[in-house]
Amino acid sequence: MNILKSLIIWLCFIPVAILNGGLREYVLAKAIGEEWALQDAD
């Protein structure tokens, strides 16, 4: 049962990650510029 609960929680992260990427790409990049919104981890 614990594995099922964990799987459900991890599957909830998928749409959240997609929404986060969309927010960065379309909202933040236009508001503050791509250089700041989409920084690399160099």
C-alpha atoms as a PDB file:
ATOM      1  CA  MET A   1       0.000   0.000   0.000  1.00  0.00           C
ATOM      2  CA  ASN A   2       2.868   2.382   0.751  1.00  0.00           C
ATOM      3  CA  ILE A   3       4.310   1.785  -2.702  1.00  0.00           C
ATOM      4  CA  LEU A   4       0.976   2.686  -4.306  1.00  0.00           C
ATOM      5  CA  LYS A   5       0.749   5.924  -2.310  1.00  0.00           C
ATOM      6  CA  SER A   6       4.313   6.799  -3.255  1.00  0.00           C
ATOM      7  CA  LEU A   7       3.635   6.107  -6.920  1.00  0.00           C
ATOM      8  CA  ILE A   8       0.548   8.330  -6.891  1.00  0.00           C
ATOM      9  CA  ILE A   9       2.507  11.171  -5.295  1.00  0.00           C
ATOM     10  CA  TRP A  10       5.335  10.837  -7.821  1.00  0.00           C
ATOM     11  CA  LEU A  11       2.865  10.783 -10.704  1.00  0.00           C
ATOM     12  CA  CYS A  12       1.440  14.069  -9.414  1.00  0.00           C
ATOM     13  CA  PHE A  13       4.860  15.634  -9.942  1.00  0.00           C
ATOM     14  CA  ILE A  14       4.659  15.122 -13.714  1.00  0.00           C
ATOM     15  CA  PRO A  15       1.938  17.714 -14.452  1.00  0.00           C
ATOM     16  CA  VAL A  16       3.479  20.082 -11.901  1.00  0.00           C
ATOM     17  CA  ALA A  17       6.841  19.844 -13.680  1.00  0.00           C
ATOM     18  CA  ILE A  18       5.191  20.470 -17.052  1.00  0.00           C
ATOM     19  CA  LEU A  19       3.354  23.509 -15.684  1.00  0.00           C
ATOM     20  CA  ASN A  20       6.582  24.803 -14.170  1.00  0.00           C
ATOM     21  CA  GLY A  21       8.353  24.520 -17.520  1.00  0.00           C
ATOM     22  CA  GLY A  22       5.495  26.278 -19.279  1.00  0.00           C
ATOM     23  CA  LEU A  23       5.475  29.042 -16.711  1.00  0.00           C
ATOM     24  CA  ARG A  24       9.199  29.608 -17.129  1.00  0.00           C
ATOM     25  CA  GLU A  25       9.104  29.443 -20.902  1.00  0.00           C
ATOM     26  CA  TYR A  26       6.074  31.594 -21.620  1.00  0.00           C
ATOM     27  CA  VAL A  27       5.578  33.875 -18.626  1.00  0.00           C
ATOM     28  CA  LEU A  28       8.935  34.458 -16.969  1.00  0.00           C
ATOM     29  CA  ALA A  29      10.955  34.519 -20.179  1.00  0.00           C
ATOM     30  CA  LYS A  30       8.738  37.269 -21.572  1.00  0.00           C
ATOM     31  CA  ALA A  31       8.568  39.191 -18.292  1.00  0.00           C
ATOM     32  CA  ILE A  32      12.230  39.163 -17.214  1.00  0.00           C
ATOM     33  CA  GLY A  33      14.045  37.927 -20.319  1.00  0.00           C
ATOM     34  CA  GLU A  34      15.266  34.504 -21.372  1.00  0.00           C
ATOM     35  CA  GLU A  35      18.722  34.943 -19.894  1.00  0.00           C
ATOM     36  CA  TRP A  36      17.318  35.267 -16.374  1.00  0.00           C
ATOM     37  CA  ALA A  37      14.315  32.948 -16.645  1.00  0.00           C
ATOM     38  CA  LEU A  38      16.122  30.029 -18.300  1.00  0.00           C
ATOM     39  CA  GLN A  39      19.531  30.044 -16.651  1.00  0.00           C
ATOM     40  CA  ASP A  40      21.864  27.095 -17.169  1.00  0.00           C
ATOM     41  CA  ALA A  41      23.504  25.312 -14.258  1.00  0.00           C
ATOM     42  CA  ASP A  42      27.038  26.062 -15.476  1.00  0.00           C
END
